[in-house]
Full PDB file with SEQRES, HELIX, SHEET, SSBOND, CRYST1, ORIGX, SCALE, CONECT and MASTER records, all heavy atoms in Angstrom:
SEQRES   1 A   40  GLY LEU PHE LEU ASP ARG PHE PRO ASP ALA ASP LEU VAL          
SEQRES   2 A   40  HIS GLY ASP ALA GLN GLY ILE ASP ARG ILE SER LEU GLY          
SEQRES   3 A   40  ILE PHE LYS GLU LEU LEU GLN GLU ARG GLY GLN SER ASN          
SEQRES   4 A   40  GLU                                                          
HELIX    1 AA1 LEU A    2  ARG A    6  1                                   5    
HELIX    2 AA2 ILE A   20  GLU A   34  1                                  15    
CRYST1    1.000    1.000    1.000  90.00  90.00  90.00 P 1           1          
ORIGX1      1.000000  0.000000  0.000000        0.00000                         
ORIGX2      0.000000  1.000000  0.000000        0.00000                         
ORIGX3      0.000000  0.000000  1.000000        0.00000                         
SCALE1      1.000000  0.000000  0.000000        0.00000                         
SCALE2      0.000000  1.000000  0.000000        0.00000                         
SCALE3      0.000000  0.000000  1.000000        0.00000                         
ATOM      1  N   GLY A   1      10.093  -9.601 -14.269  1.00  0.00           N  
ATOM      2  CA  GLY A   1      11.055 -10.655 -13.960  1.00  0.00           C  
ATOM      3  C   GLY A   1      11.904 -11.025 -15.163  1.00  0.00           C  
ATOM      4  O   GLY A   1      13.119 -11.238 -15.045  1.00  0.00           O  
ATOM      5  N   LEU A   2      11.278 -11.075 -16.324  1.00  0.00           N  
ATOM      6  CA  LEU A   2      12.023 -11.398 -17.552  1.00  0.00           C  
ATOM      7  C   LEU A   2      13.042 -10.310 -17.875  1.00  0.00           C  
ATOM      8  O   LEU A   2      14.163 -10.602 -18.309  1.00  0.00           O  
ATOM      9  CB  LEU A   2      11.050 -11.570 -18.719  1.00  0.00           C  
ATOM     10  CG  LEU A   2      10.200 -12.849 -18.689  1.00  0.00           C  
ATOM     11  CD1 LEU A   2       9.109 -12.784 -19.750  1.00  0.00           C  
ATOM     12  CD2 LEU A   2      11.078 -14.079 -18.910  1.00  0.00           C  
ATOM     13  N   PHE A   3      12.645  -9.044 -17.659  1.00  0.00           N  
ATOM     14  CA  PHE A   3      13.584  -7.953 -17.909  1.00  0.00           C  
ATOM     15  C   PHE A   3      14.757  -8.027 -16.939  1.00  0.00           C  
ATOM     16  O   PHE A   3      15.925  -7.829 -17.320  1.00  0.00           O  
ATOM     17  CB  PHE A   3      12.881  -6.605 -17.786  1.00  0.00           C  
ATOM     18  CG  PHE A   3      13.687  -5.451 -18.337  1.00  0.00           C  
ATOM     19  CD1 PHE A   3      13.681  -5.172 -19.692  1.00  0.00           C  
ATOM     20  CD2 PHE A   3      14.445  -4.644 -17.497  1.00  0.00           C  
ATOM     21  CE1 PHE A   3      14.422  -4.117 -20.217  1.00  0.00           C  
ATOM     22  CE2 PHE A   3      15.184  -3.581 -18.005  1.00  0.00           C  
ATOM     23  CZ  PHE A   3      15.175  -3.312 -19.372  1.00  0.00           C  
ATOM     24  N   LEU A   4      14.469  -8.329 -15.667  1.00  0.00           N  
ATOM     25  CA  LEU A   4      15.526  -8.445 -14.665  1.00  0.00           C  
ATOM     26  C   LEU A   4      16.415  -9.661 -14.925  1.00  0.00           C  
ATOM     27  O   LEU A   4      17.600  -9.647 -14.573  1.00  0.00           O  
ATOM     28  CB  LEU A   4      14.915  -8.509 -13.257  1.00  0.00           C  
ATOM     29  CG  LEU A   4      14.384  -7.186 -12.703  1.00  0.00           C  
ATOM     30  CD1 LEU A   4      13.609  -7.418 -11.412  1.00  0.00           C  
ATOM     31  CD2 LEU A   4      15.530  -6.205 -12.458  1.00  0.00           C  
ATOM     32  N   ASP A   5      15.853 -10.705 -15.506  1.00  0.00           N  
ATOM     33  CA  ASP A   5      16.676 -11.864 -15.867  1.00  0.00           C  
ATOM     34  C   ASP A   5      17.720 -11.461 -16.907  1.00  0.00           C  
ATOM     35  O   ASP A   5      18.862 -11.937 -16.880  1.00  0.00           O  
ATOM     36  CB  ASP A   5      15.797 -12.988 -16.423  1.00  0.00           C  
ATOM     37  CG  ASP A   5      14.975 -13.674 -15.335  1.00  0.00           C  
ATOM     38  OD1 ASP A   5      15.307 -13.503 -14.145  1.00  0.00           O  
ATOM     39  OD2 ASP A   5      14.003 -14.364 -15.682  1.00  0.00           O  
ATOM     40  N   ARG A   6      17.311 -10.593 -17.830  1.00  0.00           N  
ATOM     41  CA  ARG A   6      18.228 -10.135 -18.883  1.00  0.00           C  
ATOM     42  C   ARG A   6      19.176  -9.066 -18.362  1.00  0.00           C  
ATOM     43  O   ARG A   6      20.355  -9.030 -18.727  1.00  0.00           O  
ATOM     44  CB  ARG A   6      17.431  -9.579 -20.058  1.00  0.00           C  
ATOM     45  CG  ARG A   6      16.559 -10.582 -20.786  1.00  0.00           C  
ATOM     46  CD  ARG A   6      15.855  -9.910 -21.963  1.00  0.00           C  
ATOM     47  NE  ARG A   6      16.819  -9.419 -22.952  1.00  0.00           N  
ATOM     48  CZ  ARG A   6      16.511  -8.541 -23.913  1.00  0.00           C  
ATOM     49  NH1 ARG A   6      15.275  -8.067 -23.993  1.00  0.00           N  
ATOM     50  NH2 ARG A   6      17.427  -8.159 -24.772  1.00  0.00           N  
ATOM     51  N   PHE A   7      18.639  -8.187 -17.496  1.00  0.00           N  
ATOM     52  CA  PHE A   7      19.425  -7.057 -16.990  1.00  0.00           C  
ATOM     53  C   PHE A   7      19.250  -6.980 -15.468  1.00  0.00           C  
ATOM     54  O   PHE A   7      18.418  -6.212 -14.964  1.00  0.00           O  
ATOM     55  CB  PHE A   7      18.962  -5.758 -17.659  1.00  0.00           C  
ATOM     56  CG  PHE A   7      18.881  -5.843 -19.166  1.00  0.00           C  
ATOM     57  CD1 PHE A   7      17.652  -5.892 -19.809  1.00  0.00           C  
ATOM     58  CD2 PHE A   7      20.035  -5.905 -19.929  1.00  0.00           C  
ATOM     59  CE1 PHE A   7      17.566  -5.983 -21.184  1.00  0.00           C  
ATOM     60  CE2 PHE A   7      19.961  -5.995 -21.317  1.00  0.00           C  
ATOM     61  CZ  PHE A   7      18.729  -6.043 -21.947  1.00  0.00           C  
ATOM     62  N   PRO A   8      20.017  -7.770 -14.739  1.00  0.00           N  
ATOM     63  CA  PRO A   8      19.826  -7.908 -13.281  1.00  0.00           C  
ATOM     64  C   PRO A   8      19.977  -6.618 -12.485  1.00  0.00           C  
ATOM     65  O   PRO A   8      19.468  -6.525 -11.365  1.00  0.00           O  
ATOM     66  CB  PRO A   8      20.914  -8.918 -12.887  1.00  0.00           C  
ATOM     67  CG  PRO A   8      21.237  -9.653 -14.140  1.00  0.00           C  
ATOM     68  CD  PRO A   8      21.078  -8.656 -15.236  1.00  0.00           C  
ATOM     69  N   ASP A   9      20.676  -5.624 -13.042  1.00  0.00           N  
ATOM     70  CA  ASP A   9      20.903  -4.392 -12.281  1.00  0.00           C  
ATOM     71  C   ASP A   9      19.947  -3.269 -12.685  1.00  0.00           C  
ATOM     72  O   ASP A   9      20.169  -2.097 -12.355  1.00  0.00           O  
ATOM     73  CB  ASP A   9      22.345  -3.920 -12.445  1.00  0.00           C  
ATOM     74  CG  ASP A   9      22.694  -3.582 -13.901  1.00  0.00           C  
ATOM     75  OD1 ASP A   9      21.909  -3.959 -14.792  1.00  0.00           O  
ATOM     76  OD2 ASP A   9      23.747  -2.959 -14.124  1.00  0.00           O  
ATOM     77  N   ALA A  10      18.872  -3.596 -13.386  1.00  0.00           N  
ATOM     78  CA  ALA A  10      17.923  -2.569 -13.845  1.00  0.00           C  
ATOM     79  C   ALA A  10      17.232  -1.882 -12.670  1.00  0.00           C  
ATOM     80  O   ALA A  10      16.990  -2.485 -11.619  1.00  0.00           O  
ATOM     81  CB  ALA A  10      16.884  -3.192 -14.769  1.00  0.00           C  
ATOM     82  N   ASP A  11      16.922  -0.601 -12.866  1.00  0.00           N  
ATOM     83  CA  ASP A  11      16.208   0.191 -11.860  1.00  0.00           C  
ATOM     84  C   ASP A  11      14.741   0.334 -12.244  1.00  0.00           C  
ATOM     85  O   ASP A  11      14.371   0.167 -13.409  1.00  0.00           O  
ATOM     86  CB  ASP A  11      16.819   1.588 -11.744  1.00  0.00           C  
ATOM     87  CG  ASP A  11      18.226   1.563 -11.168  1.00  0.00           C  
ATOM     88  OD1 ASP A  11      18.586   0.567 -10.521  1.00  0.00           O  
ATOM     89  OD2 ASP A  11      18.960   2.545 -11.382  1.00  0.00           O  
ATOM     90  N   LEU A  12      13.926   0.692 -11.262  1.00  0.00           N  
ATOM     91  CA  LEU A  12      12.502   0.933 -11.489  1.00  0.00           C  
ATOM     92  C   LEU A  12      12.212   2.428 -11.430  1.00  0.00           C  
ATOM     93  O   LEU A  12      12.715   3.137 -10.550  1.00  0.00           O  
ATOM     94  CB  LEU A  12      11.659   0.219 -10.431  1.00  0.00           C  
ATOM     95  CG  LEU A  12      10.144   0.504 -10.452  1.00  0.00           C  
ATOM     96  CD1 LEU A  12       9.508  -0.095 -11.702  1.00  0.00           C  
ATOM     97  CD2 LEU A  12       9.462  -0.035  -9.199  1.00  0.00           C  
ATOM     98  N   VAL A  13      11.390   2.914 -12.365  1.00  0.00           N  
ATOM     99  CA  VAL A  13      10.906   4.292 -12.370  1.00  0.00           C  
ATOM    100  C   VAL A  13       9.387   4.250 -12.290  1.00  0.00           C  
ATOM    101  O   VAL A  13       8.742   3.522 -13.053  1.00  0.00           O  
ATOM    102  CB  VAL A  13      11.330   5.035 -13.662  1.00  0.00           C  
ATOM    103  CG1 VAL A  13      10.768   6.447 -13.670  1.00  0.00           C  
ATOM    104  CG2 VAL A  13      12.849   5.060 -13.791  1.00  0.00           C  
ATOM    105  N   HIS A  14       8.800   5.020 -11.359  1.00  0.00           N  
ATOM    106  CA  HIS A  14       7.333   5.061 -11.284  1.00  0.00           C  
ATOM    107  C   HIS A  14       6.887   6.376 -10.663  1.00  0.00           C  
ATOM    108  O   HIS A  14       7.681   7.127 -10.094  1.00  0.00           O  
ATOM    109  CB  HIS A  14       6.784   3.869 -10.486  1.00  0.00           C  
ATOM    110  CG  HIS A  14       7.049   3.934  -9.014  1.00  0.00           C  
ATOM    111  ND1 HIS A  14       6.130   4.406  -8.118  1.00  0.00           N  
ATOM    112  CD2 HIS A  14       8.131   3.587  -8.279  1.00  0.00           C  
ATOM    113  CE1 HIS A  14       6.619   4.349  -6.895  1.00  0.00           C  
ATOM    114  NE2 HIS A  14       7.847   3.853  -6.963  1.00  0.00           N  
ATOM    115  N   GLY A  15       5.588   6.667 -10.793  1.00  0.00           N  
ATOM    116  CA  GLY A  15       5.043   7.951 -10.360  1.00  0.00           C  
ATOM    117  C   GLY A  15       4.459   7.976  -8.968  1.00  0.00           C  
ATOM    118  O   GLY A  15       3.899   8.992  -8.552  1.00  0.00           O  
ATOM    119  N   ASP A  16       4.536   6.868  -8.244  1.00  0.00           N  
ATOM    120  CA  ASP A  16       4.108   6.796  -6.849  1.00  0.00           C  
ATOM    121  C   ASP A  16       2.615   7.018  -6.639  1.00  0.00           C  
ATOM    122  O   ASP A  16       2.179   7.399  -5.564  1.00  0.00           O  
ATOM    123  CB  ASP A  16       4.899   7.804  -6.000  1.00  0.00           C  
ATOM    124  CG  ASP A  16       4.819   7.489  -4.509  1.00  0.00           C  
ATOM    125  OD1 ASP A  16       4.806   6.290  -4.168  1.00  0.00           O  
ATOM    126  OD2 ASP A  16       4.762   8.429  -3.695  1.00  0.00           O  
ATOM    127  N   ALA A  17       1.811   6.786  -7.674  1.00  0.00           N  
ATOM    128  CA  ALA A  17       0.362   6.915  -7.513  1.00  0.00           C  
ATOM    129  C   ALA A  17      -0.209   5.608  -6.961  1.00  0.00           C  
ATOM    130  O   ALA A  17       0.361   4.532  -7.150  1.00  0.00           O  
ATOM    131  CB  ALA A  17      -0.297   7.238  -8.847  1.00  0.00           C  
ATOM    132  N   GLN A  18      -1.344   5.706  -6.269  1.00  0.00           N  
ATOM    133  CA  GLN A  18      -2.042   4.509  -5.826  1.00  0.00           C  
ATOM    134  C   GLN A  18      -2.447   3.701  -7.044  1.00  0.00           C  
ATOM    135  O   GLN A  18      -2.848   4.255  -8.061  1.00  0.00           O  
ATOM    136  CB  GLN A  18      -3.290   4.897  -5.022  1.00  0.00           C  
ATOM    137  CG  GLN A  18      -3.004   5.599  -3.709  1.00  0.00           C  
ATOM    138  CD  GLN A  18      -2.537   4.640  -2.625  1.00  0.00           C  
ATOM    139  OE1 GLN A  18      -2.562   3.425  -2.800  1.00  0.00           O  
ATOM    140  NE2 GLN A  18      -2.089   5.171  -1.501  1.00  0.00           N  
ATOM    141  N   GLY A  19      -2.346   2.398  -6.960  1.00  0.00           N  
ATOM    142  CA  GLY A  19      -2.705   1.550  -8.085  1.00  0.00           C  
ATOM    143  C   GLY A  19      -1.491   0.853  -8.652  1.00  0.00           C  
ATOM    144  O   GLY A  19      -0.635   0.356  -7.918  1.00  0.00           O  
ATOM    145  N   ILE A  20      -1.388   0.820  -9.982  1.00  0.00           N  
ATOM    146  CA  ILE A  20      -0.329   0.068 -10.650  1.00  0.00           C  
ATOM    147  C   ILE A  20       1.062   0.552 -10.254  1.00  0.00           C  
ATOM    148  O   ILE A  20       1.989  -0.249 -10.122  1.00  0.00           O  
ATOM    149  CB  ILE A  20      -0.504   0.140 -12.182  1.00  0.00           C  
ATOM    150  CG1 ILE A  20      -1.790  -0.574 -12.606  1.00  0.00           C  
ATOM    151  CG2 ILE A  20       0.699  -0.460 -12.893  1.00  0.00           C  
ATOM    152  CD1 ILE A  20      -1.823  -2.057 -12.258  1.00  0.00           C  
ATOM    153  N   ASP A  21       1.232   1.878 -10.057  1.00  0.00           N  
ATOM    154  CA  ASP A  21       2.552   2.399  -9.681  1.00  0.00           C  
ATOM    155  C   ASP A  21       3.067   1.699  -8.423  1.00  0.00           C  
ATOM    156  O   ASP A  21       4.187   1.176  -8.397  1.00  0.00           O  
ATOM    157  CB  ASP A  21       2.481   3.909  -9.430  1.00  0.00           C  
ATOM    158  CG  ASP A  21       2.330   4.716 -10.705  1.00  0.00           C  
ATOM    159  OD1 ASP A  21       2.105   4.104 -11.775  1.00  0.00           O  
ATOM    160  OD2 ASP A  21       2.420   5.948 -10.645  1.00  0.00           O  
ATOM    161  N   ARG A  22       2.264   1.716  -7.387  1.00  0.00           N  
ATOM    162  CA  ARG A  22       2.716   1.149  -6.111  1.00  0.00           C  
ATOM    163  C   ARG A  22       2.673  -0.379  -6.119  1.00  0.00           C  
ATOM    164  O   ARG A  22       3.464  -1.027  -5.437  1.00  0.00           O  
ATOM    165  CB  ARG A  22       1.891   1.720  -4.963  1.00  0.00           C  
ATOM    166  CG  ARG A  22       2.127   3.218  -4.803  1.00  0.00           C  
ATOM    167  CD  ARG A  22       1.525   3.782  -3.557  1.00  0.00           C  
ATOM    168  NE  ARG A  22       1.762   5.221  -3.474  1.00  0.00           N  
ATOM    169  CZ  ARG A  22       1.291   5.996  -2.492  1.00  0.00           C  
ATOM    170  NH1 ARG A  22       0.573   5.468  -1.515  1.00  0.00           N  
ATOM    171  NH2 ARG A  22       1.536   7.294  -2.509  1.00  0.00           N  
ATOM    172  N   ILE A  23       1.764  -0.928  -6.908  1.00  0.00           N  
ATOM    173  CA  ILE A  23       1.761  -2.390  -7.062  1.00  0.00           C  
ATOM    174  C   ILE A  23       3.058  -2.831  -7.727  1.00  0.00           C  
ATOM    175  O   ILE A  23       3.686  -3.811  -7.301  1.00  0.00           O  
ATOM    176  CB  ILE A  23       0.544  -2.832  -7.913  1.00  0.00           C  
ATOM    177  CG1 ILE A  23      -0.750  -2.666  -7.112  1.00  0.00           C  
ATOM    178  CG2 ILE A  23       0.706  -4.283  -8.380  1.00  0.00           C  
ATOM    179  CD1 ILE A  23      -2.011  -2.869  -7.922  1.00  0.00           C  
ATOM    180  N   SER A  24       3.492  -2.091  -8.741  1.00  0.00           N  
ATOM    181  CA  SER A  24       4.737  -2.447  -9.434  1.00  0.00           C  
ATOM    182  C   SER A  24       5.938  -2.310  -8.508  1.00  0.00           C  
ATOM    183  O   SER A  24       6.900  -3.090  -8.602  1.00  0.00           O  
ATOM    184  CB  SER A  24       4.923  -1.569 -10.674  1.00  0.00           C  
ATOM    185  OG  SER A  24       5.227  -0.235 -10.322  1.00  0.00           O  
ATOM    186  N   LEU A  25       5.899  -1.329  -7.612  1.00  0.00           N  
ATOM    187  CA  LEU A  25       6.987  -1.171  -6.638  1.00  0.00           C  
ATOM    188  C   LEU A  25       7.080  -2.400  -5.741  1.00  0.00           C  
ATOM    189  O   LEU A  25       8.179  -2.925  -5.514  1.00  0.00           O  
ATOM    190  CB  LEU A  25       6.749   0.084  -5.799  1.00  0.00           C  
ATOM    191  CG  LEU A  25       7.720   0.295  -4.635  1.00  0.00           C  
ATOM    192  CD1 LEU A  25       9.152   0.439  -5.138  1.00  0.00           C  
ATOM    193  CD2 LEU A  25       7.306   1.529  -3.810  1.00  0.00           C  
ATOM    194  N   GLY A  26       5.932  -2.853  -5.250  1.00  0.00           N  
ATOM    195  CA  GLY A  26       5.933  -4.048  -4.408  1.00  0.00           C  
ATOM    196  C   GLY A  26       6.436  -5.269  -5.153  1.00  0.00           C  
ATOM    197  O   GLY A  26       7.203  -6.075  -4.608  1.00  0.00           O  
ATOM    198  N   ILE A  27       6.028  -5.401  -6.405  1.00  0.00           N  
ATOM    199  CA  ILE A  27       6.464  -6.525  -7.230  1.00  0.00           C  
ATOM    200  C   ILE A  27       7.968  -6.455  -7.487  1.00  0.00           C  
ATOM    201  O   ILE A  27       8.679  -7.467  -7.409  1.00  0.00           O  
ATOM    202  CB  ILE A  27       5.692  -6.552  -8.561  1.00  0.00           C  
ATOM    203  CG1 ILE A  27       4.230  -6.916  -8.314  1.00  0.00           C  
ATOM    204  CG2 ILE A  27       6.333  -7.528  -9.548  1.00  0.00           C  
ATOM    205  CD1 ILE A  27       3.345  -6.806  -9.553  1.00  0.00           C  
ATOM    206  N   PHE A  28       8.468  -5.257  -7.755  1.00  0.00           N  
ATOM    207  CA  PHE A  28       9.898  -5.072  -8.026  1.00  0.00           C  
ATOM    208  C   PHE A  28      10.723  -5.474  -6.801  1.00  0.00           C  
ATOM    209  O   PHE A  28      11.727  -6.195  -6.919  1.00  0.00           O  
ATOM    210  CB  PHE A  28      10.160  -3.615  -8.387  1.00  0.00           C  
ATOM    211  CG  PHE A  28      11.579  -3.310  -8.782  1.00  0.00           C  
ATOM    212  CD1 PHE A  28      12.083  -3.744  -9.996  1.00  0.00           C  
ATOM    213  CD2 PHE A  28      12.405  -2.583  -7.936  1.00  0.00           C  
ATOM    214  CE1 PHE A  28      13.388  -3.452 -10.374  1.00  0.00           C  
ATOM    215  CE2 PHE A  28      13.708  -2.280  -8.302  1.00  0.00           C  
ATOM    216  CZ  PHE A  28      14.200  -2.722  -9.523  1.00  0.00           C  
ATOM    217  N   LYS A  29      10.307  -5.029  -5.633  1.00  0.00           N  
ATOM    218  CA  LYS A  29      11.015  -5.382  -4.401  1.00  0.00           C  
ATOM    219  C   LYS A  29      10.980  -6.888  -4.170  1.00  0.00           C  
ATOM    220  O   LYS A  29      11.974  -7.495  -3.746  1.00  0.00           O  
ATOM    221  CB  LYS A  29      10.395  -4.653  -3.210  1.00  0.00           C  
ATOM    222  CG  LYS A  29      10.661  -3.152  -3.202  1.00  0.00           C  
ATOM    223  CD  LYS A  29      10.028  -2.500  -1.989  1.00  0.00           C  
ATOM    224  CE  LYS A  29      10.359  -1.006  -1.923  1.00  0.00           C  
ATOM    225  NZ  LYS A  29       9.724  -0.363  -0.745  1.00  0.00           N  
ATOM    226  N   GLU A  30       9.824  -7.485  -4.448  1.00  0.00           N  
ATOM    227  CA  GLU A  30       9.672  -8.935  -4.290  1.00  0.00           C  
ATOM    228  C   GLU A  30      10.609  -9.686  -5.228  1.00  0.00           C  
ATOM    229  O   GLU A  30      11.267 -10.664  -4.830  1.00  0.00           O  
ATOM    230  CB  GLU A  30       8.219  -9.316  -4.566  1.00  0.00           C  
ATOM    231  CG  GLU A  30       7.900 -10.794  -4.355  1.00  0.00           C  
ATOM    232  CD  GLU A  30       6.440 -11.103  -4.641  1.00  0.00           C  
ATOM    233  OE1 GLU A  30       5.596 -10.176  -4.555  1.00  0.00           O  
ATOM    234  OE2 GLU A  30       6.140 -12.271  -4.968  1.00  0.00           O  
ATOM    235  N   LEU A  31      10.694  -9.232  -6.467  1.00  0.00           N  
ATOM    236  CA  LEU A  31      11.572  -9.883  -7.443  1.00  0.00           C  
ATOM    237  C   LEU A  31      13.040  -9.769  -7.037  1.00  0.00           C  
ATOM    238  O   LEU A  31      13.808 -10.732  -7.179  1.00  0.00           O  
ATOM    239  CB  LEU A  31      11.358  -9.259  -8.822  1.00  0.00           C  
ATOM    240  CG  LEU A  31      10.057  -9.624  -9.536  1.00  0.00           C  
ATOM    241  CD1 LEU A  31       9.807  -8.694 -10.720  1.00  0.00           C  
ATOM    242  CD2 LEU A  31      10.085 -11.082 -10.004  1.00  0.00           C  
ATOM    243  N   LEU A  32      13.428  -8.599  -6.546  1.00  0.00           N  
ATOM    244  CA  LEU A  32      14.814  -8.430  -6.113  1.00  0.00           C  
ATOM    245  C   LEU A  32      15.123  -9.317  -4.903  1.00  0.00           C  
ATOM    246  O   LEU A  32      16.199  -9.918  -4.824  1.00  0.00           O  
ATOM    247  CB  LEU A  32      15.089  -6.962  -5.769  1.00  0.00           C  
ATOM    248  CG  LEU A  32      15.075  -5.971  -6.932  1.00  0.00           C  
ATOM    249  CD1 LEU A  32      15.453  -4.572  -6.442  1.00  0.00           C  
ATOM    250  CD2 LEU A  32      16.039  -6.399  -8.034  1.00  0.00           C  
ATOM    251  N   GLN A  33      14.173  -9.408  -3.983  1.00  0.00           N  
ATOM    252  CA  GLN A  33      14.363 -10.266  -2.810  1.00  0.00           C  
ATOM    253  C   GLN A  33      14.520 -11.724  -3.230  1.00  0.00           C  
ATOM    254  O   GLN A  33      15.364 -12.445  -2.698  1.00  0.00           O  
ATOM    255  CB  GLN A  33      13.186 -10.108  -1.851  1.00  0.00           C  
ATOM    256  CG  GLN A  33      13.362 -10.861  -0.533  1.00  0.00           C  
ATOM    257  CD  GLN A  33      12.211 -10.601   0.428  1.00  0.00           C  
ATOM    258  OE1 GLN A  33      11.134 -10.188   0.023  1.00  0.00           O  
ATOM    259  NE2 GLN A  33      12.444 -10.826   1.697  1.00  0.00           N  
ATOM    260  N   GLU A  34      13.703 -12.149  -4.186  1.00  0.00           N  
ATOM    261  CA  GLU A  34      13.798 -13.529  -4.672  1.00  0.00           C  
ATOM    262  C   GLU A  34      15.154 -13.803  -5.308  1.00  0.00           C  
ATOM    263  O   GLU A  34      15.625 -14.941  -5.328  1.00  0.00           O  
ATOM    264  CB  GLU A  34      12.688 -13.791  -5.698  1.00  0.00           C  
ATOM    265  CG  GLU A  34      11.287 -13.826  -5.102  1.00  0.00           C  
ATOM    266  CD  GLU A  34      10.212 -13.935  -6.160  1.00  0.00           C  
ATOM    267  OE1 GLU A  34      10.550 -13.932  -7.378  1.00  0.00           O  
ATOM    268  OE2 GLU A  34       9.022 -14.014  -5.800  1.00  0.00           O  
ATOM    269  N   ARG A  35      15.781 -12.736  -5.832  1.00  0.00           N  
ATOM    270  CA  ARG A  35      17.089 -12.877  -6.484  1.00  0.00           C  
ATOM    271  C   ARG A  35      18.246 -12.573  -5.540  1.00  0.00           C  
ATOM    272  O   ARG A  35      19.396 -12.510  -5.963  1.00  0.00           O  
ATOM    273  CB  ARG A  35      17.147 -11.950  -7.713  1.00  0.00           C  
ATOM    274  CG  ARG A  35      16.271 -12.440  -8.868  1.00  0.00           C  
ATOM    275  CD  ARG A  35      15.955 -11.315  -9.846  1.00  0.00           C  
ATOM    276  NE  ARG A  35      15.311 -11.816 -11.071  1.00  0.00           N  
ATOM    277  CZ  ARG A  35      14.057 -12.222 -11.130  1.00  0.00           C  
ATOM    278  NH1 ARG A  35      13.291 -12.185 -10.049  1.00  0.00           N  
ATOM    279  NH2 ARG A  35      13.552 -12.675 -12.278  1.00  0.00           N  
ATOM    280  N   GLY A  36      17.923 -12.346  -4.271  1.00  0.00           N  
ATOM    281  CA  GLY A  36      18.959 -12.062  -3.289  1.00  0.00           C  
ATOM    282  C   GLY A  36      19.581 -10.684  -3.455  1.00  0.00           C  
ATOM    283  O   GLY A  36      20.721 -10.457  -3.045  1.00  0.00           O  
ATOM    284  N   GLN A  37      18.814  -9.749  -4.041  1.00  0.00           N  
ATOM    285  CA  GLN A  37      19.326  -8.408  -4.270  1.00  0.00           C  
ATOM    286  C   GLN A  37      18.624  -7.395  -3.376  1.00  0.00           C  
ATOM    287  O   GLN A  37      17.476  -7.576  -2.980  1.00  0.00           O  
ATOM    288  CB  GLN A  37      19.124  -7.995  -5.738  1.00  0.00           C  
ATOM    289  CG  GLN A  37      19.881  -8.842  -6.742  1.00  0.00           C  
ATOM    290  CD  GLN A  37      19.587  -8.402  -8.164  1.00  0.00           C  
ATOM    291  OE1 GLN A  37      18.434  -8.263  -8.572  1.00  0.00           O  
ATOM    292  NE2 GLN A  37      20.632  -8.182  -8.942  1.00  0.00           N  
ATOM    293  N   SER A  38      19.312  -6.303  -3.089  1.00  0.00           N  
ATOM    294  CA  SER A  38      18.734  -5.211  -2.317  1.00  0.00           C  
ATOM    295  C   SER A  38      18.070  -4.227  -3.258  1.00  0.00           C  
ATOM    296  O   SER A  38      18.514  -4.031  -4.387  1.00  0.00           O  
ATOM    297  CB  SER A  38      19.827  -4.498  -1.514  1.00  0.00           C  
ATOM    298  OG  SER A  38      19.329  -3.290  -0.950  1.00  0.00           O  
ATOM    299  N   ASN A  39      16.991  -3.564  -2.785  1.00  0.00           N  
ATOM    300  CA  ASN A  39      16.331  -2.546  -3.598  1.00  0.00           C  
ATOM    301  C   ASN A  39      16.873  -1.146  -3.306  1.00  0.00           C  
ATOM    302  O   ASN A  39      16.407  -0.160  -3.883  1.00  0.00           O  
ATOM    303  CB  ASN A  39      14.810  -2.582  -3.405  1.00  0.00           C  
ATOM    304  CG  ASN A  39      14.415  -2.296  -1.958  1.00  0.00           C  
ATOM    305  OD1 ASN A  39      14.616  -1.192  -1.467  1.00  0.00           O  
ATOM    306  ND2 ASN A  39      13.827  -3.276  -1.286  1.00  0.00           N  
ATOM    307  N   GLU A  40      17.862  -1.053  -2.433  1.00  0.00           N  
ATOM    308  CA  GLU A  40      18.434   0.246  -2.080  1.00  0.00           C  
ATOM    309  C   GLU A  40      19.065   0.907  -3.314  1.00  0.00           C  
ATOM    310  O   GLU A  40      19.903   0.313  -3.990  1.00  0.00           O  
ATOM    311  CB  GLU A  40      19.482   0.091  -0.983  1.00  0.00           C  
ATOM    312  CG  GLU A  40      20.025   1.412  -0.478  1.00  0.00           C  
ATOM    313  CD  GLU A  40      20.982   1.253   0.692  1.00  0.00           C  
ATOM    314  OE1 GLU A  40      21.146   0.102   1.167  1.00  0.00           O  
ATOM    315  OE2 GLU A  40      21.562   2.256   1.121  1.00  0.00           O  
TER     316      GLU A  40                                                      
MASTER        0    0    0    2    0    0    0    6  315    1    0    4          
END                                                                             
């Protein structure tokens, strides 16, 4: 969230593994939704 506050258009890179990778994806989508942004 702090990184997105500084750089609102930042993208996420992850390896799609079960665990932190997919947890971070869910968190990233949640943060964008809270900011009124699309994850597309």
